[in-house]
Amino acid sequence: MISIQINERDIARVEKTLAGMPKVAGRVLSRSLNKTLAGIKTDASAEIRKELNVKKETVDSTFSLQKATVSRLSASIESTGRPLPLSKFLGTKQTKKGVSVRIKKGRSRKVIKGTFMATMSSGHVGVFWRVGKERLPISQRFSSRVPDVFSNEAVINAVMKKAGERLHKNINHELDYELGKLKR
């Protein structure tokens, strides 16, 4: 989980600039946090997809955001989820020996012998293998979890570096916006 808060110095600067308008200051700060949170989600998704060979929507579906409000000036993003089915990885294909899949970018494809791709009655396409010597039952194969990659120190550091810069930019933008409304 990544949590962002506005430091006391930024709060004091916004309140001083918007002296006499405490509600406006709270709106400026909460909007700044929420815009930064949206950017963090984008950055985190991009960093995770540098590691895992999956679509953006697969990564983004694991995120839950807690937005800031005027009364609670903090925001957070968390990634939760189960291991991804092998069929979610881009370029997964059936071969004569099994299913070929590349899980991590920059690594070679692996053929998982004895597996096969099948479409279930629900429409879900999965990679399966037979549990016993009979035709049934079959078991779906899974791999990495998005939350594990999200909690990787390199990913968090890259995201947080951009988040600090983005937060200050958003605060300045929101301040300019509110001050511009006063001049009209």
N, C-alpha and C. Protein backbone atom coordinates (compact mmCIF):
# COMPACT_ATOMS: atom_id res chain seq x y z
N MET A 1 0.85 -1.17 0.00
CA MET A 1 0.00 0.00 0.00
C MET A 1 0.89 1.24 0.00
N ILE A 2 0.50 2.21 -0.78
CA ILE A 2 1.18 3.51 -0.80
C ILE A 2 0.20 4.54 -0.26
N SER A 3 0.66 5.30 0.70
CA SER A 3 -0.17 6.34 1.30
C SER A 3 0.53 7.68 1.11
N ILE A 4 -0.24 8.69 0.74
CA ILE A 4 0.34 10.03 0.58
C ILE A 4 -0.39 11.02 1.47
N GLN A 5 0.38 11.92 2.04
CA GLN A 5 -0.16 12.97 2.89
C GLN A 5 0.54 14.27 2.55
N ILE A 6 -0.13 15.35 2.83
CA ILE A 6 0.48 16.66 2.60
C ILE A 6 1.20 17.08 3.86
N ASN A 7 2.44 17.53 3.70
CA ASN A 7 3.22 17.92 4.87
C ASN A 7 2.75 19.27 5.43
N GLU A 8 3.12 19.54 6.65
CA GLU A 8 2.67 20.75 7.36
C GLU A 8 3.09 22.02 6.63
N ARG A 9 4.27 21.99 6.03
CA ARG A 9 4.76 23.18 5.32
C ARG A 9 3.85 23.55 4.15
N ASP A 10 3.42 22.54 3.37
CA ASP A 10 2.52 22.81 2.25
C ASP A 10 1.14 23.27 2.73
N ILE A 11 0.67 22.68 3.82
CA ILE A 11 -0.63 23.10 4.37
C ILE A 11 -0.55 24.56 4.81
N ALA A 12 0.52 24.92 5.51
CA ALA A 12 0.69 26.31 5.97
C ALA A 12 0.78 27.27 4.78
N ARG A 13 1.48 26.87 3.72
CA ARG A 13 1.63 27.74 2.53
C ARG A 13 0.28 27.97 1.86
N VAL A 14 -0.52 26.93 1.72
CA VAL A 14 -1.83 27.06 1.08
C VAL A 14 -2.76 27.91 1.95
N GLU A 15 -2.75 27.67 3.28
CA GLU A 15 -3.62 28.45 4.17
C GLU A 15 -3.22 29.92 4.19
N LYS A 16 -1.92 30.18 4.12
CA LYS A 16 -1.45 31.58 4.10
C LYS A 16 -1.86 32.25 2.80
N THR A 17 -1.71 31.57 1.70
CA THR A 17 -2.07 32.14 0.39
C THR A 17 -3.57 32.39 0.31
N LEU A 18 -4.36 31.51 0.88
CA LEU A 18 -5.82 31.63 0.84
C LEU A 18 -6.35 32.06 2.20
N ALA A 19 -5.67 33.00 2.84
CA ALA A 19 -6.05 33.47 4.18
C ALA A 19 -7.51 33.92 4.20
N GLY A 20 -8.22 33.48 5.21
CA GLY A 20 -9.62 33.87 5.35
C GLY A 20 -10.58 32.96 4.60
N MET A 21 -10.08 31.95 3.90
CA MET A 21 -10.94 31.03 3.14
C MET A 21 -10.56 29.58 3.49
N PRO A 22 -10.85 29.15 4.72
CA PRO A 22 -10.42 27.81 5.15
C PRO A 22 -11.04 26.67 4.34
N LYS A 23 -12.28 26.83 3.89
CA LYS A 23 -12.92 25.77 3.11
C LYS A 23 -12.26 25.61 1.75
N VAL A 24 -11.85 26.75 1.19
CA VAL A 24 -11.19 26.71 -0.11
C VAL A 24 -9.83 26.02 0.02
N ALA A 25 -9.12 26.30 1.09
CA ALA A 25 -7.81 25.68 1.31
C ALA A 25 -7.95 24.15 1.40
N GLY A 26 -8.95 23.68 2.10
CA GLY A 26 -9.19 22.24 2.21
C GLY A 26 -9.51 21.61 0.87
N ARG A 27 -10.29 22.31 0.05
CA ARG A 27 -10.61 21.80 -1.29
C ARG A 27 -9.36 21.72 -2.16
N VAL A 28 -8.52 22.75 -2.08
CA VAL A 28 -7.28 22.78 -2.87
C VAL A 28 -6.42 21.57 -2.50
N LEU A 29 -6.27 21.34 -1.22
CA LEU A 29 -5.40 20.25 -0.75
C LEU A 29 -5.98 18.88 -1.09
N SER A 30 -7.27 18.69 -0.90
CA SER A 30 -7.86 17.38 -1.19
C SER A 30 -7.86 17.09 -2.69
N ARG A 31 -8.15 18.09 -3.52
CA ARG A 31 -8.10 17.88 -4.97
C ARG A 31 -6.68 17.57 -5.43
N SER A 32 -5.70 18.25 -4.82
CA SER A 32 -4.29 17.99 -5.17
C SER A 32 -3.91 16.55 -4.85
N LEU A 33 -4.32 16.07 -3.69
CA LEU A 33 -4.04 14.69 -3.31
C LEU A 33 -4.70 13.70 -4.26
N ASN A 34 -5.95 13.96 -4.62
CA ASN A 34 -6.68 13.03 -5.48
C ASN A 34 -6.11 12.98 -6.89
N LYS A 35 -5.68 14.13 -7.41
CA LYS A 35 -5.03 14.14 -8.72
C LYS A 35 -3.70 13.40 -8.65
N THR A 36 -2.98 13.57 -7.56
CA THR A 36 -1.72 12.86 -7.38
C THR A 36 -1.96 11.36 -7.27
N LEU A 37 -3.02 10.97 -6.59
CA LEU A 37 -3.37 9.56 -6.44
C LEU A 37 -3.64 8.92 -7.80
N ALA A 38 -4.34 9.64 -8.66
CA ALA A 38 -4.61 9.12 -10.01
C ALA A 38 -3.30 8.93 -10.77
N GLY A 39 -2.38 9.86 -10.61
CA GLY A 39 -1.07 9.73 -11.25
C GLY A 39 -0.26 8.58 -10.70
N ILE A 40 -0.37 8.36 -9.39
CA ILE A 40 0.33 7.24 -8.76
C ILE A 40 -0.19 5.92 -9.33
N LYS A 41 -1.50 5.84 -9.53
CA LYS A 41 -2.08 4.62 -10.09
C LYS A 41 -1.52 4.36 -11.49
N THR A 42 -1.43 5.41 -12.30
CA THR A 42 -0.88 5.29 -13.65
C THR A 42 0.58 4.86 -13.60
N ASP A 43 1.37 5.51 -12.74
CA ASP A 43 2.80 5.18 -12.63
C ASP A 43 3.01 3.76 -12.11
N ALA A 44 2.23 3.37 -11.11
CA ALA A 44 2.36 2.02 -10.54
C ALA A 44 2.02 0.96 -11.59
N SER A 45 0.97 1.21 -12.34
CA SER A 45 0.57 0.26 -13.39
C SER A 45 1.68 0.12 -14.42
N ALA A 46 2.27 1.23 -14.82
CA ALA A 46 3.35 1.20 -15.82
C ALA A 46 4.58 0.46 -15.27
N GLU A 47 4.93 0.72 -14.01
CA GLU A 47 6.09 0.05 -13.40
C GLU A 47 5.87 -1.46 -13.28
N ILE A 48 4.67 -1.86 -12.90
CA ILE A 48 4.35 -3.29 -12.78
C ILE A 48 4.41 -3.95 -14.15
N ARG A 49 3.91 -3.25 -15.18
CA ARG A 49 3.92 -3.83 -16.52
C ARG A 49 5.31 -3.84 -17.15
N LYS A 50 6.27 -3.14 -16.54
CA LYS A 50 7.66 -3.29 -16.97
C LYS A 50 8.19 -4.66 -16.52
N GLU A 51 7.61 -5.19 -15.46
CA GLU A 51 8.01 -6.50 -14.91
C GLU A 51 7.18 -7.64 -15.49
N LEU A 52 5.86 -7.49 -15.41
CA LEU A 52 4.95 -8.57 -15.83
C LEU A 52 4.45 -8.34 -17.24
N ASN A 53 4.30 -9.39 -17.98
CA ASN A 53 3.86 -9.36 -19.38
C ASN A 53 2.32 -9.47 -19.43
N VAL A 54 1.62 -8.45 -18.91
CA VAL A 54 0.16 -8.47 -18.86
C VAL A 54 -0.41 -7.15 -19.37
N LYS A 55 -1.72 -7.14 -19.63
CA LYS A 55 -2.40 -5.93 -20.08
C LYS A 55 -2.59 -4.95 -18.93
N LYS A 56 -2.76 -3.69 -19.28
CA LYS A 56 -2.99 -2.62 -18.30
C LYS A 56 -4.24 -2.91 -17.46
N GLU A 57 -5.30 -3.35 -18.10
CA GLU A 57 -6.55 -3.60 -17.38
C GLU A 57 -6.41 -4.72 -16.34
N THR A 58 -5.55 -5.68 -16.61
CA THR A 58 -5.31 -6.76 -15.66
C THR A 58 -4.67 -6.22 -14.38
N VAL A 59 -3.71 -5.31 -14.54
CA VAL A 59 -3.04 -4.69 -13.40
C VAL A 59 -3.99 -3.73 -12.69
N ASP A 60 -4.64 -2.86 -13.45
CA ASP A 60 -5.50 -1.83 -12.86
C ASP A 60 -6.68 -2.41 -12.08
N SER A 61 -7.14 -3.59 -12.45
CA SER A 61 -8.28 -4.19 -11.75
C SER A 61 -7.92 -4.61 -10.32
N THR A 62 -6.62 -4.67 -9.99
CA THR A 62 -6.21 -5.07 -8.64
C THR A 62 -6.13 -3.87 -7.69
N PHE A 63 -6.21 -2.65 -8.22
CA PHE A 63 -6.04 -1.45 -7.39
C PHE A 63 -7.33 -1.02 -6.73
N SER A 64 -7.22 -0.59 -5.47
CA SER A 64 -8.33 0.08 -4.80
C SER A 64 -7.78 1.40 -4.25
N LEU A 65 -8.52 2.46 -4.49
CA LEU A 65 -8.09 3.80 -4.10
C LEU A 65 -8.94 4.30 -2.95
N GLN A 66 -8.30 4.99 -2.02
CA GLN A 66 -9.03 5.69 -0.97
C GLN A 66 -8.69 7.16 -1.15
N LYS A 67 -9.66 7.92 -1.63
CA LYS A 67 -9.43 9.31 -1.96
C LYS A 67 -9.46 10.20 -0.71
N ALA A 68 -8.82 11.35 -0.86
CA ALA A 68 -8.79 12.35 0.22
C ALA A 68 -10.11 13.13 0.23
N THR A 69 -10.45 13.64 1.40
CA THR A 69 -11.59 14.53 1.55
C THR A 69 -11.09 15.79 2.25
N VAL A 70 -11.94 16.79 2.32
CA VAL A 70 -11.56 18.03 2.99
C VAL A 70 -11.23 17.77 4.46
N SER A 71 -11.94 16.84 5.07
CA SER A 71 -11.71 16.55 6.49
C SER A 71 -10.59 15.52 6.73
N ARG A 72 -10.22 14.76 5.71
CA ARG A 72 -9.15 13.76 5.84
C ARG A 72 -8.17 13.96 4.69
N LEU A 73 -7.08 14.66 4.98
CA LEU A 73 -6.12 15.01 3.95
C LEU A 73 -5.03 13.93 3.80
N SER A 74 -5.47 12.75 3.43
CA SER A 74 -4.55 11.67 3.09
C SER A 74 -5.27 10.77 2.07
N ALA A 75 -4.48 10.14 1.23
CA ALA A 75 -5.03 9.26 0.20
C ALA A 75 -4.13 8.04 0.12
N SER A 76 -4.69 6.92 -0.35
CA SER A 76 -3.88 5.71 -0.44
C SER A 76 -4.32 4.86 -1.62
N ILE A 77 -3.40 4.01 -2.06
CA ILE A 77 -3.67 3.05 -3.12
C ILE A 77 -3.15 1.70 -2.64
N GLU A 78 -3.93 0.67 -2.90
CA GLU A 78 -3.56 -0.68 -2.48
C GLU A 78 -3.84 -1.64 -3.63
N SER A 79 -3.02 -2.65 -3.75
CA SER A 79 -3.22 -3.69 -4.75
C SER A 79 -3.51 -5.00 -4.03
N THR A 80 -4.63 -5.61 -4.39
CA THR A 80 -4.99 -6.90 -3.81
C THR A 80 -5.37 -7.85 -4.93
N GLY A 81 -5.19 -9.11 -4.70
CA GLY A 81 -5.61 -10.07 -5.72
C GLY A 81 -4.92 -11.40 -5.57
N ARG A 82 -5.40 -12.32 -6.31
CA ARG A 82 -4.91 -13.68 -6.32
C ARG A 82 -3.86 -13.85 -7.41
N PRO A 83 -3.20 -14.98 -7.44
CA PRO A 83 -2.28 -15.25 -8.54
C PRO A 83 -3.02 -15.19 -9.88
N LEU A 84 -2.33 -14.69 -10.90
CA LEU A 84 -2.95 -14.53 -12.22
C LEU A 84 -2.97 -15.86 -12.97
N PRO A 85 -4.09 -16.14 -13.65
CA PRO A 85 -4.12 -17.32 -14.51
C PRO A 85 -3.08 -17.15 -15.62
N LEU A 86 -2.42 -18.22 -16.02
CA LEU A 86 -1.41 -18.13 -17.08
C LEU A 86 -1.98 -17.55 -18.37
N SER A 87 -3.26 -17.73 -18.59
CA SER A 87 -3.89 -17.22 -19.81
C SER A 87 -3.93 -15.69 -19.85
N LYS A 88 -3.73 -15.01 -18.71
CA LYS A 88 -3.74 -13.54 -18.66
C LYS A 88 -2.44 -12.93 -19.20
N PHE A 89 -1.40 -13.73 -19.35
CA PHE A 89 -0.12 -13.21 -19.83
C PHE A 89 -0.16 -13.12 -21.35
N LEU A 90 0.35 -12.01 -21.87
CA LEU A 90 0.29 -11.74 -23.30
C LEU A 90 1.09 -12.78 -24.10
N GLY A 91 0.52 -13.20 -25.22
CA GLY A 91 1.21 -14.12 -26.11
C GLY A 91 1.19 -15.57 -25.68
N THR A 92 0.37 -15.91 -24.71
CA THR A 92 0.28 -17.31 -24.28
C THR A 92 -0.32 -18.13 -25.43
N LYS A 93 0.35 -19.23 -25.79
CA LYS A 93 -0.14 -20.01 -26.93
C LYS A 93 0.10 -21.50 -26.74
N GLN A 94 -0.74 -22.26 -27.39
CA GLN A 94 -0.67 -23.71 -27.35
C GLN A 94 0.42 -24.19 -28.31
N THR A 95 1.22 -25.14 -27.87
CA THR A 95 2.21 -25.80 -28.74
C THR A 95 1.95 -27.30 -28.67
N LYS A 96 2.71 -28.06 -29.44
CA LYS A 96 2.53 -29.53 -29.42
C LYS A 96 2.90 -30.13 -28.08
N LYS A 97 3.90 -29.54 -27.40
CA LYS A 97 4.38 -30.09 -26.13
C LYS A 97 3.63 -29.57 -24.91
N GLY A 98 2.93 -28.46 -25.06
CA GLY A 98 2.23 -27.84 -23.93
C GLY A 98 1.86 -26.40 -24.26
N VAL A 99 1.88 -25.54 -23.25
CA VAL A 99 1.55 -24.13 -23.45
C VAL A 99 2.81 -23.31 -23.26
N SER A 100 3.03 -22.39 -24.20
CA SER A 100 4.19 -21.50 -24.14
C SER A 100 3.74 -20.17 -23.56
N VAL A 101 4.48 -19.68 -22.56
CA VAL A 101 4.09 -18.44 -21.88
C VAL A 101 5.35 -17.66 -21.47
N ARG A 102 5.25 -16.34 -21.53
CA ARG A 102 6.31 -15.48 -21.00
C ARG A 102 5.67 -14.65 -19.90
N ILE A 103 6.10 -14.88 -18.66
CA ILE A 103 5.51 -14.23 -17.50
C ILE A 103 6.16 -12.88 -17.24
N LYS A 104 7.48 -12.85 -17.22
CA LYS A 104 8.21 -11.61 -16.94
C LYS A 104 8.82 -11.06 -18.21
N LYS A 105 8.73 -9.75 -18.38
CA LYS A 105 9.34 -9.12 -19.55
C LYS A 105 10.86 -9.24 -19.43
N GLY A 106 11.50 -9.37 -20.57
CA GLY A 106 12.95 -9.49 -20.57
C GLY A 106 13.43 -10.92 -20.34
N ARG A 107 12.54 -11.82 -20.11
CA ARG A 107 12.89 -13.23 -19.92
C ARG A 107 12.37 -14.02 -21.11
N SER A 108 12.90 -15.22 -21.28
CA SER A 108 12.47 -16.04 -22.41
C SER A 108 11.15 -16.75 -22.09
N ARG A 109 10.53 -17.22 -23.16
CA ARG A 109 9.29 -18.00 -23.02
C ARG A 109 9.61 -19.36 -22.42
N LYS A 110 8.66 -19.90 -21.72
CA LYS A 110 8.79 -21.25 -21.16
C LYS A 110 7.62 -22.09 -21.67
N VAL A 111 7.91 -23.32 -21.99
CA VAL A 111 6.85 -24.25 -22.36
C VAL A 111 6.56 -25.10 -21.14
N ILE A 112 5.31 -25.08 -20.72
CA ILE A 112 4.89 -25.88 -19.57
C ILE A 112 4.31 -27.18 -20.13
N LYS A 113 5.10 -28.23 -20.05
CA LYS A 113 4.75 -29.51 -20.66
C LYS A 113 3.49 -30.10 -20.02
N GLY A 114 2.68 -30.70 -20.88
CA GLY A 114 1.49 -31.40 -20.41
C GLY A 114 0.30 -30.49 -20.15
N THR A 115 0.44 -29.20 -20.41
CA THR A 115 -0.69 -28.29 -20.20
C THR A 115 -1.39 -28.04 -21.53
N PHE A 116 -2.61 -27.54 -21.44
CA PHE A 116 -3.38 -27.22 -22.64
C PHE A 116 -4.28 -26.03 -22.35
N MET A 117 -4.64 -25.33 -23.43
CA MET A 117 -5.55 -24.19 -23.30
C MET A 117 -6.96 -24.67 -23.61
N ALA A 118 -7.93 -24.18 -22.84
CA ALA A 118 -9.32 -24.56 -23.05
C ALA A 118 -10.22 -23.39 -22.69
N THR A 119 -11.37 -23.34 -23.37
CA THR A 119 -12.38 -22.33 -23.09
C THR A 119 -13.49 -22.98 -22.29
N MET A 120 -13.78 -22.42 -21.13
CA MET A 120 -14.83 -22.95 -20.27
C MET A 120 -16.20 -22.48 -20.77
N SER A 121 -17.25 -23.06 -20.26
CA SER A 121 -18.60 -22.68 -20.68
C SER A 121 -18.92 -21.23 -20.34
N SER A 122 -18.21 -20.66 -19.36
CA SER A 122 -18.42 -19.26 -19.00
C SER A 122 -17.75 -18.31 -19.99
N GLY A 123 -16.90 -18.87 -20.87
CA GLY A 123 -16.17 -18.05 -21.82
C GLY A 123 -14.73 -17.79 -21.39
N HIS A 124 -14.39 -18.16 -20.17
CA HIS A 124 -13.03 -17.97 -19.65
C HIS A 124 -12.07 -18.92 -20.36
N VAL A 125 -10.98 -18.36 -20.88
CA VAL A 125 -9.93 -19.17 -21.49
C VAL A 125 -8.85 -19.36 -20.44
N GLY A 126 -8.45 -20.58 -20.22
CA GLY A 126 -7.46 -20.86 -19.19
C GLY A 126 -6.42 -21.86 -19.66
N VAL A 127 -5.36 -21.97 -18.88
CA VAL A 127 -4.33 -22.98 -19.11
C VAL A 127 -4.52 -24.04 -18.02
N PHE A 128 -4.68 -25.28 -18.46
CA PHE A 128 -5.03 -26.37 -17.54
C PHE A 128 -4.09 -27.54 -17.71
N TRP A 129 -4.14 -28.44 -16.70
CA TRP A 129 -3.52 -29.75 -16.86
C TRP A 129 -4.37 -30.77 -16.13
N ARG A 130 -4.20 -31.99 -16.52
CA ARG A 130 -4.99 -33.06 -15.94
C ARG A 130 -4.40 -33.46 -14.60
N VAL A 131 -5.28 -33.60 -13.59
CA VAL A 131 -4.84 -33.92 -12.23
C VAL A 131 -4.46 -35.39 -12.10
N GLY A 132 -5.25 -36.25 -12.69
CA GLY A 132 -4.97 -37.69 -12.59
C GLY A 132 -4.70 -38.27 -13.96
N LYS A 133 -4.85 -39.59 -14.05
CA LYS A 133 -4.62 -40.25 -15.33
C LYS A 133 -5.89 -40.27 -16.18
N GLU A 134 -6.99 -39.88 -15.59
CA GLU A 134 -8.27 -39.84 -16.32
C GLU A 134 -8.38 -38.50 -17.04
N ARG A 135 -9.42 -38.39 -17.86
CA ARG A 135 -9.66 -37.14 -18.59
C ARG A 135 -9.99 -35.99 -17.65
N LEU A 136 -10.75 -36.30 -16.63
CA LEU A 136 -11.13 -35.29 -15.64
C LEU A 136 -10.68 -35.78 -14.28
N PRO A 137 -10.42 -34.98 -13.30
CA PRO A 137 -10.55 -33.53 -13.28
C PRO A 137 -9.33 -32.84 -13.88
N ILE A 138 -9.53 -31.56 -14.19
CA ILE A 138 -8.43 -30.73 -14.67
C ILE A 138 -8.24 -29.59 -13.67
N SER A 139 -7.04 -29.01 -13.66
CA SER A 139 -6.72 -27.94 -12.72
C SER A 139 -6.10 -26.78 -13.49
N GLN A 140 -6.55 -25.57 -13.18
CA GLN A 140 -6.02 -24.38 -13.86
C GLN A 140 -4.65 -24.02 -13.28
N ARG A 141 -3.76 -23.50 -14.11
CA ARG A 141 -2.41 -23.11 -13.70
C ARG A 141 -2.36 -21.60 -13.51
N PHE A 142 -1.65 -21.18 -12.46
CA PHE A 142 -1.52 -19.76 -12.11
C PHE A 142 -0.06 -19.38 -11.96
N SER A 143 0.19 -18.06 -11.87
CA SER A 143 1.56 -17.59 -11.69
C SER A 143 1.58 -16.39 -10.74
N SER A 144 2.37 -15.39 -11.06
CA SER A 144 2.62 -14.23 -10.19
C SER A 144 1.36 -13.48 -9.77
N ARG A 145 1.49 -12.81 -8.62
CA ARG A 145 0.42 -11.92 -8.13
C ARG A 145 0.86 -10.48 -8.36
N VAL A 146 -0.05 -9.64 -8.83
CA VAL A 146 0.25 -8.22 -9.04
C VAL A 146 0.65 -7.55 -7.72
N PRO A 147 -0.02 -7.83 -6.58
CA PRO A 147 0.39 -7.18 -5.32
C PRO A 147 1.83 -7.48 -4.92
N ASP A 148 2.35 -8.65 -5.28
CA ASP A 148 3.74 -8.97 -4.96
C ASP A 148 4.70 -8.07 -5.72
N VAL A 149 4.40 -7.82 -6.98
CA VAL A 149 5.25 -6.93 -7.78
C VAL A 149 5.08 -5.49 -7.31
N PHE A 150 3.84 -5.10 -6.95
CA PHE A 150 3.56 -3.75 -6.47
C PHE A 150 4.34 -3.45 -5.19
N SER A 151 4.52 -4.44 -4.34
CA SER A 151 5.22 -4.23 -3.08
C SER A 151 6.74 -4.32 -3.22
N ASN A 152 7.22 -4.60 -4.42
CA ASN A 152 8.65 -4.64 -4.71
C ASN A 152 9.26 -3.26 -4.45
N GLU A 153 10.38 -3.21 -3.76
CA GLU A 153 11.01 -1.95 -3.36
C GLU A 153 11.35 -1.05 -4.55
N ALA A 154 11.82 -1.64 -5.64
CA ALA A 154 12.18 -0.85 -6.82
C ALA A 154 10.94 -0.18 -7.41
N VAL A 155 9.82 -0.88 -7.44
CA VAL A 155 8.58 -0.32 -7.98
C VAL A 155 8.09 0.81 -7.09
N ILE A 156 8.07 0.60 -5.78
CA ILE A 156 7.60 1.63 -4.85
C ILE A 156 8.49 2.87 -4.92
N ASN A 157 9.80 2.69 -4.97
CA ASN A 157 10.71 3.84 -5.05
C ASN A 157 10.49 4.65 -6.31
N ALA A 158 10.31 3.98 -7.44
CA ALA A 158 10.08 4.69 -8.70
C ALA A 158 8.76 5.47 -8.65
N VAL A 159 7.74 4.86 -8.09
CA VAL A 159 6.43 5.51 -8.00
C VAL A 159 6.47 6.70 -7.04
N MET A 160 7.08 6.52 -5.88
CA MET A 160 7.11 7.59 -4.87
C MET A 160 7.96 8.78 -5.32
N LYS A 161 8.99 8.53 -6.09
CA LYS A 161 9.82 9.63 -6.61
C LYS A 161 8.97 10.56 -7.46
N LYS A 162 8.17 9.97 -8.35
CA LYS A 162 7.30 10.76 -9.22
C LYS A 162 6.16 11.39 -8.43
N ALA A 163 5.70 10.72 -7.38
CA ALA A 163 4.55 11.20 -6.60
C ALA A 163 4.86 12.52 -5.90
N GLY A 164 6.06 12.64 -5.33
CA GLY A 164 6.43 13.88 -4.64
C GLY A 164 6.43 15.07 -5.57
N GLU A 165 7.01 14.89 -6.75
CA GLU A 165 7.04 15.96 -7.74
C GLU A 165 5.63 16.32 -8.20
N ARG A 166 4.84 15.28 -8.44
CA ARG A 166 3.47 15.50 -8.93
C ARG A 166 2.61 16.21 -7.89
N LEU A 167 2.78 15.89 -6.61
CA LEU A 167 1.98 16.51 -5.57
C LEU A 167 2.22 18.02 -5.51
N HIS A 168 3.48 18.44 -5.54
CA HIS A 168 3.78 19.88 -5.50
C HIS A 168 3.26 20.59 -6.75
N LYS A 169 3.35 19.96 -7.89
CA LYS A 169 2.83 20.53 -9.13
C LYS A 169 1.31 20.69 -9.03
N ASN A 170 0.63 19.68 -8.49
CA ASN A 170 -0.83 19.73 -8.37
C ASN A 170 -1.27 20.79 -7.36
N ILE A 171 -0.54 20.94 -6.26
CA ILE A 171 -0.89 21.97 -5.27
C ILE A 171 -0.79 23.35 -5.93
N ASN A 172 0.30 23.60 -6.63
CA ASN A 172 0.47 24.89 -7.31
C ASN A 172 -0.62 25.12 -8.34
N HIS A 173 -0.97 24.09 -9.10
CA HIS A 173 -2.02 24.22 -10.11
C HIS A 173 -3.37 24.54 -9.46
N GLU A 174 -3.72 23.83 -8.41
CA GLU A 174 -5.00 24.06 -7.73
C GLU A 174 -5.05 25.43 -7.07
N LEU A 175 -3.93 25.87 -6.52
CA LEU A 175 -3.87 27.23 -5.95
C LEU A 175 -4.10 28.27 -7.03
N ASP A 176 -3.42 28.12 -8.17
CA ASP A 176 -3.61 29.06 -9.28
C ASP A 176 -5.05 29.07 -9.76
N TYR A 177 -5.66 27.90 -9.80
CA TYR A 177 -7.05 27.79 -10.24
C TYR A 177 -7.97 28.58 -9.30
N GLU A 178 -7.83 28.38 -7.99
CA GLU A 178 -8.69 29.07 -7.01
C GLU A 178 -8.42 30.58 -7.03
N LEU A 179 -7.16 30.97 -7.13
CA LEU A 179 -6.85 32.41 -7.18
C LEU A 179 -7.39 33.04 -8.47
N GLY A 180 -7.36 32.28 -9.54
CA GLY A 180 -7.90 32.77 -10.82
C GLY A 180 -9.41 32.99 -10.73
N LYS A 181 -10.11 32.18 -9.97
CA LYS A 181 -11.55 32.35 -9.79
C LYS A 181 -11.86 33.63 -9.03
N LEU A 182 -10.96 34.04 -8.13
CA LEU A 182 -11.17 35.26 -7.36
C LEU A 182 -11.02 36.51 -8.21
N LYS A 183 -10.22 36.46 -9.26
CA LYS A 183 -9.95 37.62 -10.11
C LYS A 183 -11.06 37.86 -11.10
N ARG A 184 -11.94 36.91 -11.30
CA ARG A 184 -13.01 37.06 -12.30
C ARG A 184 -14.03 38.06 -11.87
